């Protein structure tokens, strides 16, 4: 399942301007998209004679994280620009955000079950982890944010007025760019890679220790005896590229979980191949689709979702592991659980462990099927895992494969995802009808 973390950027609320830890008398400005990513021409080589700045090693702050000039924090949130918290203590840093999931069931709202809690932690040994609603995933360290250690080799690039605040500009040849409030060591906008940027709304010297236990990341918990996978065969569903009929190493879903994935994807502008658009025509003003505060776009075309298949699988090992977030063909997965079937509520909307060990009656469930060696790819009957241990799942049969255009019709989003909140019952019923009425694709 694609689980994006992108929100669109608008204006920063002016009520944050007077927060403690402001910028030496300057009000925190309203920040336009142009302020998030400095064009390369702005940061010249400078005169090279200015002493390099020394930003405090230990600090805390709040601000906006952006990617390519657009505020980020979860495509599943209604918030225009979620406020991120950042803490740096020595070599260890944490970047975190908490937003309400716009697709959560109404009965979740206000209970805490609707929250998406997302953080990235960088430890002193340079290991990096992503934590989503108690699910912890090791990941390759590429942000190294919020460290400013690169400033020891920085080049002065002159001054610029950033939304009314005079700033000194610094950069290096690795993509770092920093705007400091002139005459201070207070960062305002920090481009810490070629695509990622952080705009500080507050910045305070000093920070408490960042407490983090990596054990649950390296050895994620199972549900134990509290919850087990079904003993009966289970029907699962997946959109996939044409002629790709092996679900080994892929994420699949039950019907309600697939409906949630589909409606969220359509609402965020997912588009597939030229003949199989997941997104129908734009909704008319009279459309019953909820008008969300964030805008969405049609996105770029991809052929990852041309066909739609229903599979029947059986679980040889009923122990429930952590859900692996797998995307692409061939798949690339986030998570170290390679020996057990993973499970979570759709869009991580569940408890405990994001629905790993819950019933998920309102949200549906997503499953990750560990990659298994397979001598018969056409059958996708995986028999041994990559670790040469018995594969925890097996295919009973591929029930049916249909074309995505037949499954979705002209405008699935407007016709079947009108309330844009789980449970997506109408969308699930529409997908069930599609398998009853759409002709099967002949598989050679």
Protein backbone atom coordinates (compact mmCIF):
# COMPACT_ATOMS: atom_id res chain seq x y z
CA UNK A 1 0.00 0.00 0.00
CA UNK A 2 1.23 3.46 -0.83
CA UNK A 3 1.25 5.48 2.36
CA UNK A 4 2.15 9.02 1.41
CA UNK A 5 3.15 11.77 3.86
CA UNK A 6 2.47 14.86 1.77
CA UNK A 7 0.24 17.86 2.56
CA UNK A 8 -0.09 21.00 0.47
CA UNK A 9 1.38 24.29 1.66
CA UNK A 10 -0.67 27.42 2.37
CA UNK A 11 0.02 30.28 4.79
CA UNK A 12 1.47 30.04 8.28
CA UNK A 13 -0.91 31.13 11.02
CA UNK A 14 0.09 34.53 12.34
CA UNK A 15 -0.88 33.53 15.88
CA UNK A 16 2.46 31.72 16.18
CA UNK A 17 4.42 34.94 15.71
CA UNK A 18 4.57 35.84 19.38
CA UNK A 19 5.68 32.44 20.64
CA UNK A 20 8.59 32.29 23.12
CA UNK A 21 11.81 31.70 21.27
CA UNK A 22 11.04 34.10 18.43
CA UNK A 23 13.71 35.79 16.37
CA UNK A 24 15.26 38.63 18.34
CA UNK A 25 12.32 40.98 18.11
CA UNK A 26 11.25 39.98 14.62
CA UNK A 27 7.75 38.57 14.34
CA UNK A 28 7.70 35.15 12.77
CA UNK A 29 6.53 35.90 9.22
CA UNK A 30 3.76 34.42 7.17
CA UNK A 31 5.73 32.15 4.88
CA UNK A 32 4.88 31.83 1.22
CA UNK A 33 5.92 28.83 -0.90
CA UNK A 34 8.81 30.82 -2.34
CA UNK A 35 10.41 31.07 1.08
CA UNK A 36 10.62 27.32 1.57
CA UNK A 37 13.20 26.51 -1.08
CA UNK A 38 15.83 29.10 -2.01
CA UNK A 39 16.73 29.08 -5.72
CA UNK A 40 20.37 28.27 -6.31
CA UNK A 41 21.06 31.70 -7.84
CA UNK A 42 20.26 33.38 -4.51
CA UNK A 43 23.10 31.61 -2.73
CA UNK A 44 26.23 32.86 -4.43
CA UNK A 45 29.75 32.21 -3.23
CA UNK A 46 29.79 35.43 -1.19
CA UNK A 47 32.92 37.31 -0.32
CA UNK A 48 34.30 34.34 1.66
CA UNK A 49 35.55 36.63 4.43
CA UNK A 50 32.73 36.29 6.96
CA UNK A 51 33.29 34.05 9.97
CA UNK A 52 31.24 30.89 9.80
CA UNK A 53 28.28 30.84 12.22
CA UNK A 54 27.88 28.44 15.13
CA UNK A 55 24.27 27.40 15.62
CA UNK A 56 23.58 25.93 19.11
CA UNK A 57 24.26 22.19 19.20
CA UNK A 58 21.35 21.53 21.58
CA UNK A 59 18.01 23.14 20.73
CA UNK A 60 14.26 22.67 20.45
CA UNK A 61 11.93 24.23 17.94
CA UNK A 62 8.64 24.13 16.11
CA UNK A 63 8.05 24.72 12.44
CA UNK A 64 7.00 23.57 8.99
CA UNK A 65 8.59 20.70 7.12
CA UNK A 66 8.34 20.89 3.35
CA UNK A 67 9.26 18.81 0.33
CA UNK A 68 9.78 20.63 -2.96
CA UNK A 69 8.12 23.67 -1.44
CA UNK A 70 5.00 21.87 -0.21
CA UNK A 71 4.27 21.39 3.48
CA UNK A 72 4.38 17.76 4.57
CA UNK A 73 2.81 15.78 7.35
CA UNK A 74 0.41 13.25 5.90
CA UNK A 75 -1.80 13.11 2.84
CA UNK A 76 -4.34 11.63 5.24
CA UNK A 77 -4.81 14.89 7.19
CA UNK A 78 -7.01 17.93 6.68
CA UNK A 79 -4.45 20.24 8.24
CA UNK A 80 -2.93 22.69 5.76
CA UNK A 81 0.48 22.91 7.39
CA UNK A 82 0.96 20.66 10.41
CA UNK A 83 3.41 22.00 12.95
CA UNK A 84 6.41 19.73 13.52
CA UNK A 85 8.41 19.57 16.74
CA UNK A 86 12.17 19.22 16.54
CA UNK A 87 14.67 18.39 19.29
CA UNK A 88 18.43 18.09 18.93
CA UNK A 89 20.59 16.96 21.87
CA UNK A 90 24.19 16.31 20.89
CA UNK A 91 24.23 13.82 18.00
CA UNK A 92 20.65 12.62 18.64
CA UNK A 93 17.62 14.28 17.10
CA UNK A 94 13.88 13.80 16.83
CA UNK A 95 11.42 15.29 14.33
CA UNK A 96 7.75 14.60 15.08
CA UNK A 97 4.21 15.59 14.17
CA UNK A 98 0.72 14.60 15.29
CA UNK A 99 -2.31 15.22 13.08
CA UNK A 100 -5.90 14.04 12.95
CA UNK A 101 -6.54 11.47 10.23
CA UNK A 102 -9.13 12.96 7.91
CA UNK A 103 -10.27 9.47 6.86
CA UNK A 104 -10.80 8.10 10.38
CA UNK A 105 -14.29 6.95 11.41
CA UNK A 106 -16.31 9.69 13.07
CA UNK A 107 -16.51 7.71 16.28
CA UNK A 108 -12.69 7.84 16.48
CA UNK A 109 -12.57 11.64 16.41
CA UNK A 110 -11.63 13.14 19.77
CA UNK A 111 -10.68 9.78 21.29
CA UNK A 112 -7.05 9.77 20.17
CA UNK A 113 -7.71 6.87 17.81
CA UNK A 114 -7.95 9.35 14.94
CA UNK A 115 -4.40 10.65 15.42
CA UNK A 116 -1.49 9.99 13.11
CA UNK A 117 1.69 10.21 15.18
CA UNK A 118 4.74 10.30 12.93
CA UNK A 119 8.37 10.85 13.89
CA UNK A 120 11.88 10.38 12.61
CA UNK A 121 14.65 9.71 15.12
CA UNK A 122 18.37 9.93 14.34
CA UNK A 123 20.64 8.35 16.97
CA UNK A 124 24.21 9.18 17.81
CA UNK A 125 25.47 6.16 15.86
CA UNK A 126 23.80 7.68 12.75
CA UNK A 127 21.05 5.04 12.72
CA UNK A 128 17.68 6.42 11.68
CA UNK A 129 14.16 5.22 12.46
CA UNK A 130 10.64 6.10 11.38
CA UNK A 131 7.86 5.66 13.94
CA UNK A 132 4.21 5.63 12.87
CA UNK A 133 1.54 5.07 15.53
CA UNK A 134 3.85 2.85 17.62
CA UNK A 135 5.17 0.96 14.57
CA UNK A 136 8.92 1.49 14.37
CA UNK A 137 10.91 0.98 11.18
CA UNK A 138 14.69 1.24 10.72
CA UNK A 139 15.51 3.21 7.61
CA UNK A 140 18.61 4.37 5.80
CA UNK A 141 19.90 7.60 7.25
CA UNK A 142 19.50 10.27 4.61
CA UNK A 143 18.03 13.33 6.37
CA UNK A 144 20.56 13.73 9.19
CA UNK A 145 18.25 16.52 10.32
CA UNK A 146 18.37 18.70 12.33
CA UNK A 147 22.18 18.72 12.67
CA UNK A 148 24.05 21.86 11.61
CA UNK A 149 27.53 20.28 11.72
CA UNK A 150 28.03 21.07 8.02
CA UNK A 151 28.38 24.78 8.86
CA UNK A 152 32.07 24.19 9.62
CA UNK A 153 32.55 24.01 5.83
CA UNK A 154 29.84 26.48 4.80
CA UNK A 155 30.21 29.34 2.35
CA UNK A 156 28.66 32.75 2.93
CA UNK A 157 26.16 33.66 0.22
CA UNK A 158 25.24 37.22 1.06
CA UNK A 159 22.00 38.53 2.51
CA UNK A 160 18.36 38.30 1.53
CA UNK A 161 15.02 39.50 2.81
CA UNK A 162 12.92 36.44 3.71
CA UNK A 163 9.30 37.49 4.14
CA UNK A 164 10.32 40.77 5.70
CA UNK A 165 13.12 39.36 7.88
CA UNK A 166 16.73 40.25 6.93
CA UNK A 167 18.77 37.04 6.77
CA UNK A 168 22.35 35.91 6.21
CA UNK A 169 22.60 33.02 3.75
CA UNK A 170 24.95 30.05 4.06
CA UNK A 171 25.39 26.92 1.93
CA UNK A 172 27.67 24.04 1.02
CA UNK A 173 28.10 21.84 -2.04
CA UNK A 174 25.97 18.98 -0.60
CA UNK A 175 22.62 20.73 -0.87
CA UNK A 176 22.49 22.43 2.56
CA UNK A 177 21.22 26.01 2.60
CA UNK A 178 20.48 28.04 5.69
CA UNK A 179 18.95 31.46 6.29
CA UNK A 180 19.96 32.89 9.67
CA UNK A 181 18.27 36.00 11.06
CA UNK A 182 20.89 38.64 10.35
CA UNK A 183 23.35 39.22 13.13
CA UNK A 184 22.21 36.12 15.07
CA UNK A 185 22.62 32.34 15.13
CA UNK A 186 18.84 31.87 14.88
CA UNK A 187 17.85 29.75 11.86
CA UNK A 188 14.75 30.77 9.94
CA UNK A 189 14.69 28.55 6.84
CA UNK A 190 16.90 25.47 6.54
CA UNK A 191 17.10 23.55 3.25
CA UNK A 192 18.75 20.40 4.60
CA UNK A 193 18.71 18.60 1.24
CA UNK A 194 17.92 19.43 -2.35
CA UNK A 195 14.23 18.74 -1.74
CA UNK A 196 13.57 18.98 2.03
CA UNK A 197 13.30 22.19 4.00
CA UNK A 198 12.36 23.27 7.51
CA UNK A 199 11.01 26.71 8.41
CA UNK A 200 11.44 27.51 12.10
CA UNK A 201 8.53 29.22 13.82
CA UNK A 202 10.30 28.95 17.19
CA UNK A 203 13.87 28.16 18.16
CA UNK A 204 15.18 27.79 21.73
CA UNK A 205 18.66 27.01 23.03
CA UNK A 206 19.01 23.79 25.04
CA UNK A 207 17.16 20.49 24.97
CA UNK A 208 16.39 17.53 27.18
CA UNK A 209 17.71 14.08 26.32
CA UNK A 210 15.99 12.30 23.44
CA UNK A 211 14.82 9.00 24.92
CA UNK A 212 14.40 6.25 22.36
CA UNK A 213 14.58 2.46 22.55
CA UNK A 214 15.48 0.89 19.22
CA UNK A 215 14.65 -2.63 20.39
CA UNK A 216 11.09 -2.57 19.03
CA UNK A 217 12.48 -1.40 15.70
CA UNK A 218 15.09 -4.13 15.36
CA UNK A 219 12.82 -6.83 16.82
CA UNK A 220 9.19 -5.71 16.28
CA UNK A 221 6.55 -7.24 18.57
CA UNK A 222 4.03 -9.88 17.53
CA UNK A 223 0.49 -10.24 18.83
CA UNK A 224 1.38 -13.41 20.72
CA UNK A 225 -1.64 -15.31 22.01
CA UNK A 226 -3.83 -12.20 22.14
CA UNK A 227 -4.68 -12.22 18.43
CA UNK A 228 -4.05 -14.68 15.60
CA UNK A 229 -4.58 -14.76 11.86
CA UNK A 230 -7.69 -16.65 10.68
CA UNK A 231 -7.54 -20.41 10.41
CA UNK A 232 -9.86 -20.35 7.39
CA UNK A 233 -8.88 -19.21 3.91
CA UNK A 234 -8.98 -15.43 3.44
CA UNK A 235 -9.86 -13.41 0.33
CA UNK A 236 -7.50 -10.49 -0.31
CA UNK A 237 -7.38 -7.86 -3.02
CA UNK A 238 -4.70 -5.85 -4.79
CA UNK A 239 -4.38 -3.39 -7.69
CA UNK A 240 -1.22 -4.17 -9.64
CA UNK A 241 0.52 -3.74 -13.02
CA UNK A 242 -0.67 -5.74 -15.98
CA UNK A 243 0.74 -9.28 -16.13
CA UNK A 244 2.24 -9.10 -12.62
CA UNK A 245 0.55 -12.04 -10.89
CA UNK A 246 2.85 -12.79 -7.98
CA UNK A 247 1.83 -11.38 -4.60
CA UNK A 248 5.00 -12.52 -2.85
CA UNK A 249 6.58 -9.52 -1.15
CA UNK A 250 3.47 -7.42 -1.74
CA UNK A 251 0.91 -5.67 0.43
CA UNK A 252 -2.71 -6.80 0.00
CA UNK A 253 -5.95 -6.02 1.82
CA UNK A 254 -9.34 -7.36 2.77
CA UNK A 255 -12.25 -5.80 0.90
CA UNK A 256 -12.89 -2.97 3.36
CA UNK A 257 -9.19 -2.24 3.64
CA UNK A 258 -8.82 -2.10 -0.14
CA UNK A 259 -11.77 0.29 -0.31
CA UNK A 260 -10.07 2.59 2.22
CA UNK A 261 -6.79 2.46 0.27
CA UNK A 262 -8.58 3.20 -2.98
CA UNK A 263 -10.67 6.13 -1.72
CA UNK A 264 -7.69 7.74 0.03
CA UNK A 265 -5.54 7.29 -3.09
CA UNK A 266 -8.16 8.77 -5.40
CA UNK A 267 -8.71 11.69 -3.05
CA UNK A 268 -4.99 12.44 -3.25
CA UNK A 269 -4.75 12.34 -7.01
CA UNK A 270 -3.34 8.90 -7.76
CA UNK A 271 -3.37 8.20 -11.48
CA UNK A 272 -2.49 4.97 -13.24
CA UNK A 273 -1.64 4.04 -16.82
CA UNK A 274 -3.11 5.82 -19.85
CA UNK A 275 -5.94 3.31 -20.28
CA UNK A 276 -6.70 2.72 -16.62
CA UNK A 277 -7.04 5.99 -14.68
CA UNK A 278 -7.70 5.61 -10.98
CA UNK A 279 -8.91 9.19 -10.97
CA UNK A 280 -12.09 10.04 -12.84
CA UNK A 281 -13.15 13.47 -14.11
CA UNK A 282 -12.96 16.33 -11.61
CA UNK A 283 -16.03 16.49 -9.38
CA UNK A 284 -18.66 19.03 -10.36
CA UNK A 285 -19.74 21.75 -7.90
CA UNK A 286 -22.81 19.66 -7.15
CA UNK A 287 -20.76 16.55 -6.42
CA UNK A 288 -21.44 14.97 -3.01
CA UNK A 289 -17.71 14.51 -2.44
CA UNK A 290 -16.60 16.37 0.67
CA UNK A 291 -14.66 19.50 -0.25
CA UNK A 292 -11.44 19.24 1.70
CA UNK A 293 -9.31 22.20 2.68
CA UNK A 294 -6.25 20.85 0.96
CA UNK A 295 -6.21 20.76 -2.78
CA UNK A 296 -5.39 17.60 -4.68
CA UNK A 297 -3.91 17.05 -8.10
CA UNK A 298 -4.17 14.32 -10.67
CA UNK A 299 -0.53 13.46 -10.12
CA UNK A 300 1.68 11.57 -12.54
CA UNK A 301 0.61 8.53 -14.47
CA UNK A 302 1.82 5.15 -13.28
CA UNK A 303 1.12 1.64 -14.48
CA UNK A 304 1.27 0.14 -11.00
CA UNK A 305 -2.54 -0.15 -10.76
CA UNK A 306 -3.81 -1.31 -14.15
CA UNK A 307 -5.31 -4.67 -13.12
CA UNK A 308 -7.30 -5.64 -10.05
CA UNK A 309 -7.07 -9.15 -8.61
CA UNK A 310 -8.80 -11.18 -5.96
CA UNK A 311 -6.71 -13.88 -4.30
CA UNK A 312 -7.57 -16.59 -1.80
CA UNK A 313 -4.73 -17.29 0.62
CA UNK A 314 -4.15 -19.46 3.68
CA UNK A 315 -1.93 -18.74 6.66
CA UNK A 316 0.48 -21.54 7.56
CA UNK A 317 1.72 -19.54 10.53
CA UNK A 318 -1.04 -17.63 12.30
CA UNK A 319 1.30 -15.44 14.37
CA UNK A 320 0.73 -11.79 13.45
CA UNK A 321 3.84 -9.75 12.74
CA UNK A 322 4.48 -6.08 12.09
CA UNK A 323 3.14 -4.73 8.80
CA UNK A 324 5.78 -4.15 6.14
CA UNK A 325 5.13 -1.10 3.99
CA UNK A 326 5.93 -2.36 0.48
CA UNK A 327 5.75 -0.28 -2.66
CA UNK A 328 6.78 -0.69 -6.28
CA UNK A 329 7.43 -3.57 -8.66
CA UNK A 330 9.70 -5.22 -7.77
CA UNK A 331 8.73 -4.28 -4.22
CA UNK A 332 10.82 -2.21 -1.85
CA UNK A 333 9.72 -2.72 1.76
CA UNK A 334 10.13 -0.71 4.94
CA UNK A 335 10.41 -2.91 8.02
CA UNK A 336 12.46 -5.88 9.25
CA UNK A 337 9.64 -8.41 9.61
CA UNK A 338 10.52 -10.83 6.82
CA UNK A 339 9.32 -14.06 8.44
CA UNK A 340 5.69 -13.43 9.46
CA UNK A 341 2.59 -12.12 7.75
CA UNK A 342 2.22 -8.49 8.79
CA UNK A 343 -1.06 -6.76 9.51
CA UNK A 344 -2.39 -3.30 10.35
CA UNK A 345 -5.60 -1.31 10.11
CA UNK A 346 -5.95 0.60 6.85
CA UNK A 347 -4.02 3.87 7.07
CA UNK A 348 -2.81 2.72 10.52
CA UNK A 349 -6.23 3.68 11.96
CA UNK A 350 -6.31 1.21 14.84
CA UNK A 351 -5.10 0.00 18.22
CA UNK A 352 -2.96 -1.54 19.48
CA UNK A 353 0.11 -1.19 17.23
CA UNK A 354 -1.86 0.61 14.50
CA UNK A 355 -4.37 -2.23 14.34
CA UNK A 356 -1.85 -5.06 14.13
CA UNK A 357 -3.70 -6.92 16.88
CA UNK A 358 -7.18 -5.42 16.53
CA UNK A 359 -10.41 -6.45 14.83
CA UNK A 360 -10.41 -3.39 12.53
CA UNK A 361 -14.13 -3.70 11.85
CA UNK A 362 -14.54 -0.05 10.81
CA UNK A 363 -11.32 0.34 8.86
CA UNK A 364 -10.55 -2.99 7.25
CA UNK A 365 -7.08 -4.55 7.35
CA UNK A 366 -3.93 -4.51 5.27
CA UNK A 367 -1.60 -7.53 5.10
CA UNK A 368 2.05 -7.75 4.11
CA UNK A 369 3.07 -11.08 2.60
CA UNK A 370 6.79 -11.73 3.16
CA UNK A 371 8.80 -12.38 0.02
CA UNK A 372 9.19 -16.11 -0.43
CA UNK A 373 11.24 -18.12 -2.88
CA UNK A 374 8.93 -19.51 -5.50
CA UNK A 375 9.68 -22.11 -8.10
CA UNK A 376 6.40 -21.39 -9.86
CA UNK A 377 5.85 -17.63 -10.28
CA UNK A 378 2.71 -18.12 -12.39
CA UNK A 379 1.07 -19.88 -9.47
CA UNK A 380 2.64 -17.57 -6.85
CA UNK A 381 2.53 -20.47 -4.37
CA UNK A 382 5.44 -19.43 -2.19
CA UNK A 383 6.85 -22.33 -0.22
CA UNK A 384 10.04 -21.14 1.45
CA UNK A 385 10.94 -17.71 2.72
CA UNK A 386 14.07 -15.75 1.90
CA UNK A 387 15.52 -17.10 5.15
CA UNK A 388 14.78 -20.67 4.04
CA UNK A 389 12.19 -21.13 6.77
CA UNK A 390 8.66 -22.32 6.02
CA UNK A 391 6.71 -19.57 4.29
CA UNK A 392 3.96 -18.31 6.63
CA UNK A 393 1.37 -18.03 3.85
CA UNK A 394 0.34 -19.80 0.67
CA UNK A 395 -1.92 -19.11 -2.27
CA UNK A 396 -5.05 -21.26 -2.47
CA UNK A 397 -6.10 -19.74 -5.79
CA UNK A 398 -6.20 -16.57 -7.80
CA UNK A 399 -9.96 -16.15 -7.91
CA UNK A 400 -10.24 -13.52 -10.65
CA UNK A 401 -8.39 -10.65 -12.32
CA UNK A 402 -10.25 -7.74 -13.93
CA UNK A 403 -9.32 -4.49 -15.59
CA UNK A 404 -9.11 -1.47 -13.30
CA UNK A 405 -11.24 0.61 -15.67
CA UNK A 406 -14.12 -1.83 -15.30
CA UNK A 407 -13.76 -1.93 -11.53
CA UNK A 408 -13.77 1.84 -11.10
CA UNK A 409 -16.16 3.09 -13.76
CA UNK A 410 -16.26 6.76 -14.72
CA UNK A 411 -15.82 8.46 -11.35
CA UNK A 412 -15.40 6.03 -8.46
CA UNK A 413 -14.37 8.81 -6.06
CA UNK A 414 -17.58 10.80 -6.44
CA UNK A 415 -19.84 7.78 -6.81
CA UNK A 416 -18.60 5.60 -3.92
CA UNK A 417 -16.30 7.62 -1.61
CA UNK A 418 -18.66 10.51 -0.92
CA UNK A 419 -18.14 10.92 2.82
CA UNK A 420 -14.38 10.23 2.66
CA UNK A 421 -14.41 8.58 6.07
CA UNK A 422 -14.08 4.97 7.09
CA UNK A 423 -15.86 2.64 6.96
CA UNK A 424 -15.93 2.88 3.16
CA UNK A 425 -18.85 0.50 2.86
CA UNK A 426 -20.24 1.76 -0.44
CA UNK A 427 -16.82 1.53 -2.08
CA UNK A 428 -16.36 -2.01 -0.74
CA UNK A 429 -19.75 -3.07 -2.13
CA UNK A 430 -18.88 -1.50 -5.49
CA UNK A 431 -15.63 -3.45 -5.66
CA UNK A 432 -17.47 -6.66 -4.78
CA UNK A 433 -19.99 -6.01 -7.58
CA UNK A 434 -17.13 -5.38 -9.98
CA UNK A 435 -15.78 -8.89 -9.44
CA UNK A 436 -19.27 -10.28 -10.01
CA UNK A 437 -19.91 -8.35 -13.25
CA UNK A 438 -16.58 -7.43 -14.91
CA UNK A 439 -15.19 -9.97 -17.39
CA UNK A 440 -12.04 -11.79 -16.32
CA UNK A 441 -8.80 -10.92 -18.06
CA UNK A 442 -7.58 -14.00 -19.91
CA UNK A 443 -4.23 -15.01 -18.48
CA UNK A 444 -1.89 -16.71 -20.91
